[in-house]
C-alpha cells in the first residue's frame, strides 16, 4: 500500500530513485514510527510523513517524522551521534529509522550572505515562565563583540543587527515576543540542530544562522513544552550580559536584568517545517 510519505529532492539524490520509489510504494517504509522530532507516534498510512536522512562520516540513517514537525531533508550529524541513535533504535526494538550506506558527499548548511554569522554564539535552552505558562526558550549570547559585516568594529552591533532581522526589543520578560517571519528552530532526533533564518533572496531556502557543532541535548520537559506550544522563544543579548547560568531561576533573573538594562531582544519561532 502506498504510504503518505514526503521525499525531498535532497533525500532522493542521496538514497537514489530506486530506494525512494520503494519507500513511496510502501515496500520499505514503516507503518508506524516514533517521530524523530517530537518523539510521539506517527502512522504513514494516516498522516503525511517526512523522510529525514541523517548522515555521518560512515553511516546514514533514514528516519521518519510528522510532516507538521519537520520537512523532508538531509541533516549532517557526527558519526558518534549517529551510532548512538542506531543503538537506541535497535535497543528499543522499534523501527524509527533505516540504516543505509553513507553517501560519498556530506551535505552542509548554507551560510547566510550577511548578518552576525561569523561569530561564535553560545546557546542555552531552558523553560521561561510567562503569565503562569512555561515556554521553551533559547538564549543566544555571542562569545565576543559583533561588528557589522564588512567592518572591524569596534562598536558591538549584535542587537541592532537582530532588530533589522525582525527581533523585538524586550522591556519585560513577562510578554511573549512576536513571531519573526522566515525564522525557525530545527529540532531533530530529539536534539537541537540549528536556528534557521530566511534565505538571502525571496524564495530561497532558509539558511543556518546558528548551527550546533554537535547536536545539543534538550531536556524532556523542554521537548514536551515545544510539543504543546509549537514555538520556541529565542532571546538574544550582547556578550557578557547573561553568562553561563546553572539553573533556570538564575537564567530568568539574568534575562530580567538584561531586559531592564535595554540589552535584550527576542522573537518567537516555530519548529522548522511548521
C-alpha atoms as a PDB file:
ATOM      1  CA  UNK A   1       0.000   0.000   0.000  1.00  0.00           C
ATOM      2  CA  UNK A   2       1.424   3.459  -0.867  1.00  0.00           C
ATOM      3  CA  UNK A   3       2.486   5.457   2.185  1.00  0.00           C
ATOM      4  CA  UNK A   4       1.774   9.128   2.847  1.00  0.00           C
ATOM      5  CA  UNK A   5       5.474   9.987   2.562  1.00  0.00           C
ATOM      6  CA  UNK A   6       7.287  13.156   1.546  1.00  0.00           C
ATOM      7  CA  UNK A   7      10.703  12.511  -0.020  1.00  0.00           C
ATOM      8  CA  UNK A   8      12.579  15.744  -0.767  1.00  0.00           C
ATOM      9  CA  UNK A   9      14.835  16.114  -3.793  1.00  0.00           C
ATOM     10  CA  UNK A  10      17.881  16.216  -1.472  1.00  0.00           C
ATOM     11  CA  UNK A  11      16.900  12.942   0.213  1.00  0.00           C
ATOM     12  CA  UNK A  12      16.119  11.318  -3.148  1.00  0.00           C
ATOM     13  CA  UNK A  13      19.507  12.389  -4.500  1.00  0.00           C
ATOM     14  CA  UNK A  14      21.252  10.685  -1.584  1.00  0.00           C
ATOM     15  CA  UNK A  15      19.282   7.428  -1.412  1.00  0.00           C
ATOM     16  CA  UNK A  16      18.622   7.039  -5.145  1.00  0.00           C
ATOM     17  CA  UNK A  17      15.423   6.882  -7.189  1.00  0.00           C
ATOM     18  CA  UNK A  18      15.004   3.135  -6.694  1.00  0.00           C
ATOM     19  CA  UNK A  19      15.023   3.321  -2.898  1.00  0.00           C
ATOM     20  CA  UNK A  20      12.803   6.411  -2.955  1.00  0.00           C
ATOM     21  CA  UNK A  21      10.200   4.593  -5.064  1.00  0.00           C
ATOM     22  CA  UNK A  22      10.299   1.585  -2.728  1.00  0.00           C
ATOM     23  CA  UNK A  23       9.605   3.920   0.182  1.00  0.00           C
ATOM     24  CA  UNK A  24       6.761   5.687  -1.582  1.00  0.00           C
ATOM     25  CA  UNK A  25       5.285   2.352  -2.633  1.00  0.00           C
ATOM     26  CA  UNK A  26       5.249   1.102   0.947  1.00  0.00           C
ATOM     27  CA  UNK A  27       7.831  -1.657   0.453  1.00  0.00           C
ATOM     28  CA  UNK A  28      10.435  -0.352   2.915  1.00  0.00           C
ATOM     29  CA  UNK A  29       8.632   2.369   4.903  1.00  0.00           C
ATOM     30  CA  UNK A  30       7.223   1.506   8.335  1.00  0.00           C
ATOM     31  CA  UNK A  31       3.510   1.766   9.022  1.00  0.00           C
ATOM     32  CA  UNK A  32       4.048   3.263  12.476  1.00  0.00           C
ATOM     33  CA  UNK A  33       7.055   5.139  13.838  1.00  0.00           C
ATOM     34  CA  UNK A  34       8.220   7.479  16.581  1.00  0.00           C
ATOM     35  CA  UNK A  35       8.597  10.992  15.146  1.00  0.00           C
ATOM     36  CA  UNK A  36      12.283  11.917  15.054  1.00  0.00           C
ATOM     37  CA  UNK A  37      11.395  15.497  16.017  1.00  0.00           C
ATOM     38  CA  UNK A  38       8.666  15.400  18.682  1.00  0.00           C
ATOM     39  CA  UNK A  39       9.159  11.740  19.717  1.00  0.00           C
ATOM     40  CA  UNK A  40       5.430  10.942  19.601  1.00  0.00           C
ATOM     41  CA  UNK A  41       3.893   8.123  17.499  1.00  0.00           C
ATOM     42  CA  UNK A  42       3.137   8.574  13.816  1.00  0.00           C
ATOM     43  CA  UNK A  43       1.430   6.492  11.132  1.00  0.00           C
ATOM     44  CA  UNK A  44       2.452   6.626   7.473  1.00  0.00           C
ATOM     45  CA  UNK A  45      -0.935   5.216   6.454  1.00  0.00           C
ATOM     46  CA  UNK A  46      -2.918   8.045   8.044  1.00  0.00           C
ATOM     47  CA  UNK A  47      -0.809  11.221   8.145  1.00  0.00           C
ATOM     48  CA  UNK A  48       1.764  12.940   5.981  1.00  0.00           C
ATOM     49  CA  UNK A  49       5.218  11.821   6.993  1.00  0.00           C
ATOM     50  CA  UNK A  50       8.629  13.289   6.168  1.00  0.00           C
ATOM     51  CA  UNK A  51      11.681  11.200   5.367  1.00  0.00           C
ATOM     52  CA  UNK A  52      14.719  12.684   7.146  1.00  0.00           C
ATOM     53  CA  UNK A  53      18.176  11.384   6.236  1.00  0.00           C
ATOM     54  CA  UNK A  54      20.804  11.738   8.982  1.00  0.00           C
ATOM     55  CA  UNK A  55      24.307  11.445   7.549  1.00  0.00           C
ATOM     56  CA  UNK A  56      27.528  10.742   9.440  1.00  0.00           C
ATOM     57  CA  UNK A  57      31.077  10.131   8.233  1.00  0.00           C
ATOM     58  CA  UNK A  58      30.492   6.411   7.594  1.00  0.00           C
ATOM     59  CA  UNK A  59      26.803   5.803   8.307  1.00  0.00           C
ATOM     60  CA  UNK A  60      23.464   7.157   7.161  1.00  0.00           C
ATOM     61  CA  UNK A  61      20.106   6.622   8.871  1.00  0.00           C
ATOM     62  CA  UNK A  62      16.764   7.293   7.242  1.00  0.00           C
ATOM     63  CA  UNK A  63      14.278   8.401   9.892  1.00  0.00           C
ATOM     64  CA  UNK A  64      10.638   9.450   9.817  1.00  0.00           C
ATOM     65  CA  UNK A  65       8.820  12.462  11.239  1.00  0.00           C
ATOM     66  CA  UNK A  66       5.410  14.087  11.160  1.00  0.00           C
ATOM     67  CA  UNK A  67       5.370  16.422   8.158  1.00  0.00           C
ATOM     68  CA  UNK A  68       3.911  19.052  10.508  1.00  0.00           C
ATOM     69  CA  UNK A  69       7.033  18.811  12.703  1.00  0.00           C
ATOM     70  CA  UNK A  70       9.864  18.876  10.167  1.00  0.00           C
ATOM     71  CA  UNK A  71      10.167  18.811   6.360  1.00  0.00           C
ATOM     72  CA  UNK A  72      11.906  16.029   4.447  1.00  0.00           C
ATOM     73  CA  UNK A  73      15.597  16.925   4.362  1.00  0.00           C
ATOM     74  CA  UNK A  74      19.195  15.773   4.791  1.00  0.00           C
ATOM     75  CA  UNK A  75      20.811  16.562   8.165  1.00  0.00           C
ATOM     76  CA  UNK A  76      24.559  16.179   8.777  1.00  0.00           C
ATOM     77  CA  UNK A  77      25.480  14.841  12.237  1.00  0.00           C
ATOM     78  CA  UNK A  78      28.621  13.399  13.806  1.00  0.00           C
ATOM     79  CA  UNK A  79      29.299   9.687  13.390  1.00  0.00           C
ATOM     80  CA  UNK A  80      29.261   9.277  17.184  1.00  0.00           C
ATOM     81  CA  UNK A  81      25.775  10.780  17.419  1.00  0.00           C
ATOM     82  CA  UNK A  82      24.523   8.649  14.559  1.00  0.00           C
ATOM     83  CA  UNK A  83      25.888   5.415  16.010  1.00  0.00           C
ATOM     84  CA  UNK A  84      24.261   6.319  19.323  1.00  0.00           C
ATOM     85  CA  UNK A  85      20.947   6.816  17.547  1.00  0.00           C
ATOM     86  CA  UNK A  86      21.303   3.439  15.802  1.00  0.00           C
ATOM     87  CA  UNK A  87      21.988   1.715  19.143  1.00  0.00           C
ATOM     88  CA  UNK A  88      18.942   3.463  20.614  1.00  0.00           C
ATOM     89  CA  UNK A  89      16.735   2.337  17.714  1.00  0.00           C
ATOM     90  CA  UNK A  90      17.962  -1.255  17.998  1.00  0.00           C
ATOM     91  CA  UNK A  91      17.639  -1.242  21.785  1.00  0.00           C
ATOM     92  CA  UNK A  92      14.056  -0.016  21.652  1.00  0.00           C
ATOM     93  CA  UNK A  93      13.143  -2.787  19.232  1.00  0.00           C
ATOM     94  CA  UNK A  94      11.134  -0.356  17.119  1.00  0.00           C
ATOM     95  CA  UNK A  95      11.656   0.988  13.639  1.00  0.00           C
ATOM     96  CA  UNK A  96      12.420   4.662  13.943  1.00  0.00           C
ATOM     97  CA  UNK A  97      14.821   4.609  11.017  1.00  0.00           C
ATOM     98  CA  UNK A  98      16.552   2.505   8.383  1.00  0.00           C
ATOM     99  CA  UNK A  99      20.348   2.273   8.315  1.00  0.00           C
ATOM    100  CA  UNK A 100      21.865   2.967   4.894  1.00  0.00           C
ATOM    101  CA  UNK A 101      25.396   3.151   3.444  1.00  0.00           C
ATOM    102  CA  UNK A 102      26.860   6.629   3.760  1.00  0.00           C
ATOM    103  CA  UNK A 103      26.797   8.766   0.601  1.00  0.00           C
ATOM    104  CA  UNK A 104      30.048   9.957  -0.895  1.00  0.00           C
ATOM    105  CA  UNK A 105      29.492  13.627  -0.042  1.00  0.00           C
ATOM    106  CA  UNK A 106      28.487  15.314   3.181  1.00  0.00           C
ATOM    107  CA  UNK A 107      25.670  17.880   2.933  1.00  0.00           C
ATOM    108  CA  UNK A 108      26.256  21.174   4.709  1.00  0.00           C
ATOM    109  CA  UNK A 109      24.020  24.026   5.750  1.00  0.00           C
ATOM    110  CA  UNK A 110      24.419  27.154   3.579  1.00  0.00           C
ATOM    111  CA  UNK A 111      25.824  30.314   5.118  1.00  0.00           C
ATOM    112  CA  UNK A 112      23.765  33.481   5.200  1.00  0.00           C
ATOM    113  CA  UNK A 113      25.126  36.273   2.982  1.00  0.00           C
ATOM    114  CA  UNK A 114      25.226  38.797   5.802  1.00  0.00           C
ATOM    115  CA  UNK A 115      24.274  39.207   9.444  1.00  0.00           C
ATOM    116  CA  UNK A 116      26.127  38.072  12.580  1.00  0.00           C
ATOM    117  CA  UNK A 117      27.022  34.610  11.273  1.00  0.00           C
ATOM    118  CA  UNK A 118      30.817  34.596  11.540  1.00  0.00           C
ATOM    119  CA  UNK A 119      30.982  34.873  15.318  1.00  0.00           C
ATOM    120  CA  UNK A 120      30.795  32.049  17.825  1.00  0.00           C
ATOM    121  CA  UNK A 121      27.411  32.051  19.531  1.00  0.00           C
ATOM    122  CA  UNK A 122      26.626  30.417  22.846  1.00  0.00           C
ATOM    123  CA  UNK A 123      23.126  28.917  23.062  1.00  0.00           C
ATOM    124  CA  UNK A 124      21.362  27.810  26.257  1.00  0.00           C
ATOM    125  CA  UNK A 125      17.994  26.067  26.441  1.00  0.00           C
ATOM    126  CA  UNK A 126      15.539  26.458  29.291  1.00  0.00           C
ATOM    127  CA  UNK A 127      11.922  26.970  30.274  1.00  0.00           C
ATOM    128  CA  UNK A 128      10.696  30.516  30.885  1.00  0.00           C
ATOM    129  CA  UNK A 129       7.576  31.219  32.959  1.00  0.00           C
ATOM    130  CA  UNK A 130       5.341  33.881  31.390  1.00  0.00           C
ATOM    131  CA  UNK A 131       1.943  34.649  32.920  1.00  0.00           C
ATOM    132  CA  UNK A 132       1.731  31.264  34.557  1.00  0.00           C
ATOM    133  CA  UNK A 133       2.702  29.224  31.467  1.00  0.00           C
ATOM    134  CA  UNK A 134       6.047  27.548  30.795  1.00  0.00           C
ATOM    135  CA  UNK A 135       7.539  28.349  27.391  1.00  0.00           C
ATOM    136  CA  UNK A 136      10.511  26.573  25.761  1.00  0.00           C
ATOM    137  CA  UNK A 137      13.245  29.132  25.199  1.00  0.00           C
ATOM    138  CA  UNK A 138      16.731  29.502  23.766  1.00  0.00           C
ATOM    139  CA  UNK A 139      19.094  32.198  24.974  1.00  0.00           C
ATOM    140  CA  UNK A 140      21.757  33.300  22.481  1.00  0.00           C
ATOM    141  CA  UNK A 141      24.849  35.225  23.526  1.00  0.00           C
ATOM    142  CA  UNK A 142      27.954  35.723  21.359  1.00  0.00           C
ATOM    143  CA  UNK A 143      31.370  34.912  22.787  1.00  0.00           C
ATOM    144  CA  UNK A 144      32.731  38.278  21.654  1.00  0.00           C
ATOM    145  CA  UNK A 145      31.596  41.694  20.330  1.00  0.00           C
ATOM    146  CA  UNK A 146      29.818  41.617  16.955  1.00  0.00           C
ATOM    147  CA  UNK A 147      30.843  44.076  14.242  1.00  0.00           C
ATOM    148  CA  UNK A 148      28.697  44.951  11.250  1.00  0.00           C
ATOM    149  CA  UNK A 149      29.608  42.822   8.189  1.00  0.00           C
ATOM    150  CA  UNK A 150      32.364  44.470   6.199  1.00  0.00           C
ATOM    151  CA  UNK A 151      33.719  46.382   9.204  1.00  0.00           C
ATOM    152  CA  UNK A 152      36.020  45.528  12.089  1.00  0.00           C
ATOM    153  CA  UNK A 153      34.134  47.369  14.833  1.00  0.00           C
ATOM    154  CA  UNK A 154      34.823  48.397  17.497  1.00  0.00           C
ATOM    155  CA  UNK A 155      31.096  49.029  18.210  1.00  0.00           C
ATOM    156  CA  UNK A 156      29.110  45.912  19.208  1.00  0.00           C
ATOM    157  CA  UNK A 157      26.056  45.900  16.900  1.00  0.00           C
ATOM    158  CA  UNK A 158      24.674  42.442  17.767  1.00  0.00           C
ATOM    159  CA  UNK A 159      21.292  43.761  18.901  1.00  0.00           C
ATOM    160  CA  UNK A 160      20.817  46.309  16.062  1.00  0.00           C
ATOM    161  CA  UNK A 161      21.570  43.595  13.513  1.00  0.00           C
ATOM    162  CA  UNK A 162      18.940  41.314  15.035  1.00  0.00           C
ATOM    163  CA  UNK A 163      16.383  44.141  15.228  1.00  0.00           C
ATOM    164  CA  UNK A 164      16.962  44.690  11.498  1.00  0.00           C
ATOM    165  CA  UNK A 165      16.117  40.993  11.034  1.00  0.00           C
ATOM    166  CA  UNK A 166      12.808  41.344  12.895  1.00  0.00           C
ATOM    167  CA  UNK A 167      13.711  40.650  16.529  1.00  0.00           C
ATOM    168  CA  UNK A 168      11.919  42.920  19.000  1.00  0.00           C
ATOM    169  CA  UNK A 169      13.486  44.807  21.933  1.00  0.00           C
ATOM    170  CA  UNK A 170      12.367  43.302  25.247  1.00  0.00           C
ATOM    171  CA  UNK A 171      11.306  45.682  28.009  1.00  0.00           C
ATOM    172  CA  UNK A 172       9.972  42.865  30.200  1.00  0.00           C
ATOM    173  CA  UNK A 173      10.178  39.084  30.010  1.00  0.00           C
ATOM    174  CA  UNK A 174       6.514  38.924  31.103  1.00  0.00           C
ATOM    175  CA  UNK A 175       5.395  39.247  27.464  1.00  0.00           C
ATOM    176  CA  UNK A 176       5.643  36.572  24.750  1.00  0.00           C
ATOM    177  CA  UNK A 177       7.765  38.097  21.958  1.00  0.00           C
ATOM    178  CA  UNK A 178       6.224  38.460  18.474  1.00  0.00           C
ATOM    179  CA  UNK A 179       6.946  35.967  15.680  1.00  0.00           C
ATOM    180  CA  UNK A 180       9.731  36.666  13.207  1.00  0.00           C
ATOM    181  CA  UNK A 181       8.698  35.593   9.682  1.00  0.00           C
ATOM    182  CA  UNK A 182      11.042  33.144   7.998  1.00  0.00           C
ATOM    183  CA  UNK A 183      12.953  32.166  11.131  1.00  0.00           C
ATOM    184  CA  UNK A 184      12.590  28.707  12.689  1.00  0.00           C
ATOM    185  CA  UNK A 185      14.262  26.226  15.039  1.00  0.00           C
ATOM    186  CA  UNK A 186      15.485  22.865  13.729  1.00  0.00           C
ATOM    187  CA  UNK A 187      14.860  20.088  16.256  1.00  0.00           C
ATOM    188  CA  UNK A 188      15.536  16.530  15.080  1.00  0.00           C
ATOM    189  CA  UNK A 189      16.272  13.190  16.742  1.00  0.00           C
ATOM    190  CA  UNK A 190      15.107  14.900  19.926  1.00  0.00           C
ATOM    191  CA  UNK A 191      18.085  17.279  19.744  1.00  0.00           C
ATOM    192  CA  UNK A 192      18.629  20.919  18.777  1.00  0.00           C
ATOM    193  CA  UNK A 193      20.499  21.290  15.487  1.00  0.00           C
ATOM    194  CA  UNK A 194      20.132  24.880  14.308  1.00  0.00           C
ATOM    195  CA  UNK A 195      18.349  28.219  14.275  1.00  0.00           C
ATOM    196  CA  UNK A 196      17.369  28.950  10.685  1.00  0.00           C
ATOM    197  CA  UNK A 197      16.972  32.376   9.105  1.00  0.00           C
ATOM    198  CA  UNK A 198      15.335  33.366   5.799  1.00  0.00           C
ATOM    199  CA  UNK A 199      17.351  32.868   2.613  1.00  0.00           C
ATOM    200  CA  UNK A 200      19.174  35.841   1.156  1.00  0.00           C
ATOM    201  CA  UNK A 201      16.741  36.278  -1.751  1.00  0.00           C
ATOM    202  CA  UNK A 202      12.952  35.815  -1.984  1.00  0.00           C
ATOM    203  CA  UNK A 203      12.022  32.163  -2.422  1.00  0.00           C
ATOM    204  CA  UNK A 204      15.435  30.882  -1.278  1.00  0.00           C
ATOM    205  CA  UNK A 205      15.642  28.066   1.242  1.00  0.00           C
ATOM    206  CA  UNK A 206      16.342  29.034   4.881  1.00  0.00           C
ATOM    207  CA  UNK A 207      19.986  29.028   5.955  1.00  0.00           C
ATOM    208  CA  UNK A 208      21.615  28.337   9.303  1.00  0.00           C
ATOM    209  CA  UNK A 209      22.099  31.489  11.382  1.00  0.00           C
ATOM    210  CA  UNK A 210      23.405  29.295  14.192  1.00  0.00           C
ATOM    211  CA  UNK A 211      24.297  25.619  13.827  1.00  0.00           C
ATOM    212  CA  UNK A 212      25.428  23.348  16.646  1.00  0.00           C
ATOM    213  CA  UNK A 213      28.919  21.882  16.266  1.00  0.00           C
ATOM    214  CA  UNK A 214      27.333  18.787  17.791  1.00  0.00           C
ATOM    215  CA  UNK A 215      23.569  18.455  18.129  1.00  0.00           C
ATOM    216  CA  UNK A 216      22.531  19.837  21.515  1.00  0.00           C
ATOM    217  CA  UNK A 217      20.610  17.762  24.022  1.00  0.00           C
ATOM    218  CA  UNK A 218      17.467  19.359  25.423  1.00  0.00           C
ATOM    219  CA  UNK A 219      15.552  18.221  28.473  1.00  0.00           C
ATOM    220  CA  UNK A 220      12.430  16.067  28.041  1.00  0.00           C
ATOM    221  CA  UNK A 221      10.446  18.832  29.759  1.00  0.00           C
ATOM    222  CA  UNK A 222      11.673  21.294  27.120  1.00  0.00           C
ATOM    223  CA  UNK A 223      10.617  18.986  24.273  1.00  0.00           C
ATOM    224  CA  UNK A 224       7.256  18.437  25.966  1.00  0.00           C
ATOM    225  CA  UNK A 225       6.720  22.205  26.172  1.00  0.00           C
ATOM    226  CA  UNK A 226       7.578  22.582  22.462  1.00  0.00           C
ATOM    227  CA  UNK A 227       5.018  19.907  21.579  1.00  0.00           C
ATOM    228  CA  UNK A 228       2.430  21.918  23.500  1.00  0.00           C
ATOM    229  CA  UNK A 229       3.199  25.469  22.343  1.00  0.00           C
ATOM    230  CA  UNK A 230       4.508  24.642  18.818  1.00  0.00           C
ATOM    231  CA  UNK A 231       7.005  27.501  19.115  1.00  0.00           C
ATOM    232  CA  UNK A 232      10.314  28.424  20.720  1.00  0.00           C
ATOM    233  CA  UNK A 233      11.098  31.800  22.288  1.00  0.00           C
ATOM    234  CA  UNK A 234      14.576  32.968  21.251  1.00  0.00           C
ATOM    235  CA  UNK A 235      16.193  35.643  23.441  1.00  0.00           C
ATOM    236  CA  UNK A 236      19.478  37.307  22.460  1.00  0.00           C
ATOM    237  CA  UNK A 237      21.831  39.569  24.407  1.00  0.00           C
ATOM    238  CA  UNK A 238      25.311  41.057  23.825  1.00  0.00           C
ATOM    239  CA  UNK A 239      28.442  39.305  25.067  1.00  0.00           C
ATOM    240  CA  UNK A 240      28.802  39.324  28.853  1.00  0.00           C
ATOM    241  CA  UNK A 241      25.137  40.070  29.542  1.00  0.00           C
ATOM    242  CA  UNK A 242      23.682  36.686  30.524  1.00  0.00           C
ATOM    243  CA  UNK A 243      26.652  34.413  31.168  1.00  0.00           C
ATOM    244  CA  UNK A 244      26.515  30.716  31.992  1.00  0.00           C
ATOM    245  CA  UNK A 245      23.679  30.098  34.441  1.00  0.00           C
ATOM    246  CA  UNK A 246      23.444  26.644  36.064  1.00  0.00           C
ATOM    247  CA  UNK A 247      19.729  26.883  36.936  1.00  0.00           C
ATOM    248  CA  UNK A 248      16.622  28.144  35.175  1.00  0.00           C
ATOM    249  CA  UNK A 249      15.729  30.523  38.013  1.00  0.00           C
ATOM    250  CA  UNK A 250      19.156  32.171  37.691  1.00  0.00           C
ATOM    251  CA  UNK A 251      18.757  32.296  33.918  1.00  0.00           C
ATOM    252  CA  UNK A 252      15.419  34.068  34.351  1.00  0.00           C
ATOM    253  CA  UNK A 253      16.980  36.597  36.741  1.00  0.00           C
ATOM    254  CA  UNK A 254      19.715  37.310  34.173  1.00  0.00           C
ATOM    255  CA  UNK A 255      17.098  37.794  31.451  1.00  0.00           C
ATOM    256  CA  UNK A 256      15.136  40.186  33.673  1.00  0.00           C
ATOM    257  CA  UNK A 257      18.290  42.229  34.359  1.00  0.00           C
ATOM    258  CA  UNK A 258      19.148  42.358  30.658  1.00  0.00           C
ATOM    259  CA  UNK A 259      15.626  43.496  29.761  1.00  0.00           C
ATOM    260  CA  UNK A 260      15.682  46.200  32.424  1.00  0.00           C
ATOM    261  CA  UNK A 261      19.012  47.441  31.054  1.00  0.00           C
ATOM    262  CA  UNK A 262      17.729  47.526  27.461  1.00  0.00           C
ATOM    263  CA  UNK A 263      20.146  44.767  26.432  1.00  0.00           C
ATOM    264  CA  UNK A 264      17.718  42.051  25.316  1.00  0.00           C
ATOM    265  CA  UNK A 265      15.839  41.260  22.094  1.00  0.00           C
ATOM    266  CA  UNK A 266      13.614  38.296  21.318  1.00  0.00           C
ATOM    267  CA  UNK A 267      11.397  36.547  18.799  1.00  0.00           C
ATOM    268  CA  UNK A 268       9.121  33.532  18.800  1.00  0.00           C
ATOM    269  CA  UNK A 269       9.819  30.879  16.154  1.00  0.00           C
ATOM    270  CA  UNK A 270       8.086  27.706  15.008  1.00  0.00           C
ATOM    271  CA  UNK A 271       9.902  24.431  14.539  1.00  0.00           C
ATOM    272  CA  UNK A 272      11.343  24.079  11.050  1.00  0.00           C
ATOM    273  CA  UNK A 273       8.675  22.840   8.667  1.00  0.00           C
ATOM    274  CA  UNK A 274       5.695  24.204  10.587  1.00  0.00           C
END
